[in-house]
Amino acid sequence: MGIARFLKKNESSYLDAAGQLSVVIGYDGRVNSDVFAKLSAEIFAAAGIRARLFSKLVPTPVAAFAGRQLSASATVVVTASHNPPRDNGYKVYLGGENGHSQLVPPQDAQIASEITQIANNTVFPEIARSVDFEYLEDAEINAYQNRALELIGNSENLRAQRAAIKIVYTAMHGVGHRYLAEIFANAGFQIHSVEEQQEPDGSFPTVAFPNPEEPGAMDLSFSLAEAIAADLVIANDPDADRLAVGYGAPPGCSPVTRLACCWQI
């Protein structure tokens, strides 16, 4: 509701291509992310803002891409990223003059102020809700995947070269596997998924902390890589907007030292 108020107070700066306020909403596999996402869509809709909710779990980059493609006033992803299992939260991207970037000053403080005012003066049952929102389906997901293939190239020659690279991948119990596996397969890469961490699971049963940089989080990945003599290990965090890459290290190195780099996508 705080984001809705912010958008309405600054309407002229955040109108979409159709001349209205709109929001795209995605969610990951965290406990209750789907519940919070649907509630968000209902609250935005009741505030008079066009709300479009993904009908299934999506990585944060897919939702952010869709928000840009649809010129949304804002994109919201319900996720706690790589934080502990009990956590959940929002990632917010603003359109308009912010160019679909994640929150930066001064808009972050302005939205926080709206949230504080609501929290101090309103109880949840008093917040209006409406089911007048829309669902986003596979078209938006396919657009993201097609754009990824365009960017990396997908000629027969490239595909033939890629087939020789053996890659281990872990989704870290998040939402990345389905999307990455399809893109990589279409691009000609061979990936071997860490099955124990492949499906979304908000309890993160095989890791103490679902963050690729944490000691032990990639042990299963490196074990599989050693077993199949992989060339690379790739790991996403649970909402798949961060990436860690491991590579073969000299004998005697600990698994942690094989973590080559980690960066934002």
Protein backbone atom coordinates (compact mmCIF):
# COMPACT_ATOMS: atom_id res chain seq x y z
CA MET A 1 0.00 0.00 0.00
CA GLY A 2 2.93 2.32 0.67
CA ILE A 3 4.20 1.82 -2.88
CA ALA A 4 0.71 2.44 -4.25
CA ARG A 5 0.47 5.72 -2.36
CA PHE A 6 3.90 6.77 -3.57
CA LEU A 7 2.96 6.07 -7.19
CA LYS A 8 -0.31 7.95 -6.94
CA LYS A 9 1.36 10.98 -5.32
CA ASN A 10 3.95 11.02 -8.11
CA GLU A 11 1.68 9.84 -10.90
CA SER A 12 3.03 12.09 -13.65
CA SER A 13 6.54 10.69 -13.20
CA TYR A 14 5.58 7.03 -13.38
CA LEU A 15 2.87 6.65 -16.00
CA ASP A 16 3.38 3.66 -18.27
CA ALA A 17 3.24 3.68 -22.08
CA ALA A 18 -0.57 3.52 -21.93
CA GLY A 19 -0.70 6.64 -19.77
CA GLN A 20 -1.73 4.86 -16.59
CA LEU A 21 -0.16 3.54 -13.40
CA SER A 22 0.65 -0.15 -13.53
CA VAL A 23 2.67 -2.71 -11.61
CA VAL A 24 4.13 -6.12 -12.42
CA ILE A 25 4.35 -8.59 -9.54
CA GLY A 26 6.49 -11.72 -9.36
CA TYR A 27 7.31 -14.13 -6.54
CA ASP A 28 9.73 -16.94 -5.75
CA GLY A 29 9.59 -20.19 -3.77
CA ARG A 30 9.86 -18.73 -0.27
CA VAL A 31 7.24 -19.75 2.25
CA ASN A 32 4.10 -17.64 1.57
CA SER A 33 5.64 -15.69 -1.32
CA ASP A 34 2.66 -16.67 -3.46
CA VAL A 35 0.25 -15.50 -0.74
CA PHE A 36 1.98 -12.14 -0.31
CA ALA A 37 2.17 -11.63 -4.08
CA LYS A 38 -1.56 -12.20 -4.54
CA LEU A 39 -2.36 -9.88 -1.64
CA SER A 40 -0.12 -7.26 -3.23
CA ALA A 41 -1.97 -7.57 -6.54
CA GLU A 42 -5.30 -7.16 -4.76
CA ILE A 43 -4.12 -4.07 -2.86
CA PHE A 44 -2.66 -2.40 -5.96
CA ALA A 45 -5.85 -3.15 -7.88
CA ALA A 46 -8.02 -1.67 -5.12
CA ALA A 47 -5.86 1.48 -5.24
CA GLY A 48 -6.73 1.92 -8.92
CA ILE A 49 -3.37 0.72 -10.22
CA ARG A 50 -3.32 -1.88 -13.00
CA ALA A 51 -1.82 -5.01 -11.42
CA ARG A 52 -0.33 -7.88 -13.40
CA LEU A 53 0.71 -10.92 -11.37
CA PHE A 54 2.83 -13.81 -12.66
CA SER A 55 0.83 -17.01 -12.48
CA LYS A 56 3.86 -19.07 -11.43
CA LEU A 57 7.18 -18.77 -9.63
CA VAL A 58 9.70 -16.65 -11.55
CA PRO A 59 13.28 -15.51 -10.98
CA THR A 60 13.70 -11.86 -10.09
CA PRO A 61 15.39 -11.05 -13.45
CA VAL A 62 12.37 -12.42 -15.36
CA ALA A 63 9.97 -10.19 -13.43
CA ALA A 64 12.26 -7.16 -13.76
CA PHE A 65 12.58 -7.77 -17.52
CA ALA A 66 8.81 -8.06 -17.90
CA GLY A 67 8.29 -4.82 -15.99
CA ARG A 68 10.62 -3.01 -18.38
CA GLN A 69 9.07 -4.63 -21.47
CA LEU A 70 5.58 -3.67 -20.30
CA SER A 71 6.75 -0.17 -19.25
CA ALA A 72 5.29 -0.75 -15.78
CA SER A 73 5.29 2.06 -13.25
CA ALA A 74 6.84 -0.38 -10.80
CA THR A 75 7.86 -4.03 -10.56
CA VAL A 76 7.61 -5.90 -7.27
CA VAL A 77 9.18 -9.27 -6.53
CA VAL A 78 8.22 -11.04 -3.32
CA THR A 79 11.46 -12.64 -2.14
CA ALA A 80 14.00 -12.61 0.66
CA SER A 81 16.73 -13.40 -1.87
CA HIS A 82 19.50 -15.37 -0.10
CA ASN A 83 18.50 -14.49 3.49
CA PRO A 84 17.64 -17.15 6.12
CA PRO A 85 14.57 -19.40 5.53
CA ARG A 86 12.28 -17.53 7.94
CA ASP A 87 12.65 -14.25 6.02
CA ASN A 88 10.59 -12.74 3.24
CA GLY A 89 10.34 -9.31 1.69
CA TYR A 90 10.10 -7.12 -1.42
CA LYS A 91 12.43 -6.13 -4.20
CA VAL A 92 11.12 -3.04 -6.00
CA TYR A 93 12.00 -1.58 -9.40
CA LEU A 94 10.65 1.81 -10.44
CA GLY A 95 9.83 2.76 -14.02
CA GLY A 96 9.36 6.26 -15.34
CA GLU A 97 12.19 8.61 -14.53
CA ASN A 98 13.98 5.84 -12.59
CA GLY A 99 14.42 3.75 -15.74
CA HIS A 100 13.23 0.48 -14.14
CA SER A 101 16.13 0.42 -11.71
CA GLN A 102 15.96 -0.92 -8.17
CA LEU A 103 15.14 1.61 -5.48
CA VAL A 104 17.64 4.40 -4.92
CA PRO A 105 17.50 7.64 -2.92
CA PRO A 106 15.37 9.65 -2.53
CA GLN A 107 12.52 7.37 -3.62
CA ASP A 108 13.49 4.63 -1.15
CA ALA A 109 13.05 6.99 1.80
CA GLN A 110 9.82 8.41 0.38
CA ILE A 111 8.29 4.94 0.05
CA ALA A 112 9.54 3.98 3.51
CA SER A 113 7.80 7.07 4.91
CA GLU A 114 4.52 6.04 3.27
CA ILE A 115 4.85 2.55 4.73
CA THR A 116 5.52 3.91 8.20
CA GLN A 117 2.47 6.16 8.08
CA ILE A 118 0.26 3.27 7.06
CA ALA A 119 1.70 0.97 9.73
CA ASN A 120 1.13 3.61 12.41
CA ASN A 121 -2.46 4.40 11.42
CA THR A 122 -3.98 1.36 9.73
CA VAL A 123 -4.56 -2.29 10.57
CA PHE A 124 -4.43 -4.85 7.78
CA PRO A 125 -8.17 -5.70 7.60
CA GLU A 126 -8.86 -2.01 6.87
CA ILE A 127 -6.76 -2.06 3.68
CA ALA A 128 -8.96 -2.29 0.59
CA ARG A 129 -8.50 -5.27 -1.73
CA SER A 130 -9.84 -6.12 -5.18
CA VAL A 131 -9.63 -9.21 -7.39
CA ASP A 132 -9.60 -6.99 -10.49
CA PHE A 133 -6.03 -7.87 -11.48
CA GLU A 134 -4.50 -9.79 -14.39
CA TYR A 135 -2.19 -12.78 -14.66
CA LEU A 136 1.00 -12.91 -16.68
CA GLU A 137 1.65 -16.27 -18.34
CA ASP A 138 4.32 -17.87 -20.52
CA ALA A 139 4.53 -15.07 -23.11
CA GLU A 140 6.50 -12.83 -20.73
CA ILE A 141 8.73 -15.73 -19.67
CA ASN A 142 9.41 -16.72 -23.27
CA ALA A 143 10.31 -13.12 -24.14
CA TYR A 144 13.02 -13.16 -21.46
CA GLN A 145 14.43 -16.49 -22.65
CA ASN A 146 14.40 -15.44 -26.29
CA ARG A 147 16.23 -12.22 -25.44
CA ALA A 148 18.89 -14.18 -23.55
CA LEU A 149 19.52 -16.35 -26.62
CA GLU A 150 19.72 -13.26 -28.83
CA LEU A 151 22.37 -11.71 -26.59
CA ILE A 152 24.67 -14.75 -26.50
CA GLY A 153 24.14 -15.84 -30.11
CA ASN A 154 22.76 -19.21 -31.10
CA SER A 155 24.36 -20.27 -34.37
CA GLU A 156 25.03 -23.94 -35.12
CA ASN A 157 28.76 -23.29 -34.84
CA LEU A 158 28.38 -21.81 -31.36
CA ARG A 159 26.11 -24.62 -30.27
CA ALA A 160 28.65 -27.20 -31.40
CA GLN A 161 31.40 -25.50 -29.39
CA ARG A 162 29.23 -25.26 -26.30
CA ALA A 163 28.30 -28.93 -26.35
CA ALA A 164 31.82 -29.82 -25.21
CA ILE A 165 31.57 -27.77 -21.99
CA LYS A 166 30.36 -29.78 -19.01
CA ILE A 167 28.57 -27.63 -16.41
CA VAL A 168 27.22 -28.43 -12.95
CA TYR A 169 24.35 -26.22 -11.85
CA THR A 170 22.54 -25.68 -8.56
CA ALA A 171 19.41 -23.62 -8.00
CA MET A 172 20.09 -23.60 -4.23
CA HIS A 173 16.47 -24.70 -3.60
CA GLY A 174 15.31 -21.62 -5.51
CA VAL A 175 13.49 -20.88 -8.75
CA GLY A 176 16.38 -20.83 -11.21
CA HIS A 177 16.55 -24.39 -12.50
CA ARG A 178 13.58 -24.50 -14.86
CA TYR A 179 14.55 -21.25 -16.53
CA LEU A 180 18.31 -21.67 -16.72
CA ALA A 181 18.05 -25.30 -17.86
CA GLU A 182 15.79 -24.35 -20.76
CA ILE A 183 17.94 -21.42 -21.89
CA PHE A 184 21.15 -23.45 -21.65
CA ALA A 185 19.66 -26.42 -23.50
CA ASN A 186 18.41 -24.17 -26.30
CA ALA A 187 21.87 -22.61 -26.50
CA GLY A 188 23.60 -26.00 -26.79
CA PHE A 189 25.16 -26.22 -23.34
CA GLN A 190 25.26 -29.43 -21.32
CA ILE A 191 24.28 -28.95 -17.67
CA HIS A 192 24.10 -31.42 -14.80
CA SER A 193 21.77 -30.27 -12.06
CA VAL A 194 22.36 -30.88 -8.36
CA GLU A 195 19.11 -32.78 -7.89
CA GLU A 196 19.00 -32.37 -4.11
CA GLN A 197 18.80 -28.57 -4.57
CA GLN A 198 16.91 -28.43 -7.86
CA GLU A 199 13.31 -27.78 -6.84
CA PRO A 200 12.03 -24.69 -4.98
CA ASP A 201 11.87 -25.36 -1.24
CA GLY A 202 11.53 -22.51 1.25
CA SER A 203 12.96 -24.61 4.07
CA PHE A 204 16.33 -24.99 2.25
CA PRO A 205 16.95 -28.47 3.69
CA THR A 206 20.51 -29.08 2.43
CA VAL A 207 22.12 -25.76 3.37
CA ALA A 208 22.49 -23.81 6.61
CA PHE A 209 22.22 -20.53 4.70
CA PRO A 210 21.02 -20.35 1.05
CA ASN A 211 23.83 -18.12 -0.17
CA PRO A 212 26.46 -19.39 -2.64
CA GLU A 213 29.26 -17.56 -0.80
CA GLU A 214 28.55 -19.28 2.52
CA PRO A 215 30.97 -22.08 3.50
CA GLY A 216 29.38 -25.43 2.70
CA ALA A 217 26.58 -24.10 0.51
CA MET A 218 28.22 -25.39 -2.67
CA ASP A 219 29.60 -28.65 -1.30
CA LEU A 220 27.06 -30.76 -3.21
CA SER A 221 27.88 -28.85 -6.39
CA PHE A 222 31.60 -29.40 -6.08
CA SER A 223 31.11 -33.08 -5.22
CA LEU A 224 29.08 -33.61 -8.38
CA ALA A 225 31.60 -31.61 -10.40
CA GLU A 226 34.43 -33.82 -9.21
CA ALA A 227 32.42 -36.97 -9.91
CA ILE A 228 31.72 -36.07 -13.54
CA ALA A 229 34.90 -34.04 -14.20
CA ALA A 230 32.94 -30.87 -14.92
CA ASP A 231 34.53 -27.77 -16.41
CA LEU A 232 32.41 -25.25 -14.49
CA VAL A 233 30.07 -25.02 -11.52
CA ILE A 234 27.28 -22.44 -11.61
CA ALA A 235 25.07 -21.55 -8.65
CA ASN A 236 22.15 -19.17 -8.33
CA ASP A 237 20.81 -17.74 -5.11
CA PRO A 238 17.14 -18.64 -4.41
CA ASP A 239 15.56 -15.85 -6.48
CA ALA A 240 18.21 -16.31 -9.20
CA ASP A 241 19.42 -12.74 -9.55
CA ARG A 242 22.90 -13.53 -8.23
CA LEU A 243 25.38 -15.95 -9.73
CA ALA A 244 28.44 -17.78 -8.42
CA VAL A 245 30.87 -19.56 -10.74
CA GLY A 246 33.32 -22.23 -9.65
CA TYR A 247 36.17 -23.66 -11.70
CA GLY A 248 38.61 -26.55 -11.36
CA ALA A 249 41.29 -25.86 -8.75
CA PRO A 250 44.66 -27.52 -8.14
CA PRO A 251 44.65 -30.66 -5.96
CA GLY A 252 44.49 -29.95 -2.26
CA CYS A 253 42.42 -26.78 -2.48
CA SER A 254 39.32 -26.66 -0.31
CA PRO A 255 35.91 -26.39 -2.03
CA VAL A 256 35.54 -22.79 -0.83
CA THR A 257 38.65 -21.69 -2.72
CA ARG A 258 37.08 -22.93 -5.94
CA LEU A 259 34.50 -20.19 -5.76
CA ALA A 260 35.74 -17.91 -8.50
CA CYS A 261 33.40 -14.97 -8.32
CA CYS A 262 29.96 -13.76 -7.39
CA TRP A 263 28.13 -10.81 -8.92
CA GLN A 264 24.75 -9.26 -9.57
CA ILE A 265 23.06 -10.11 -12.84
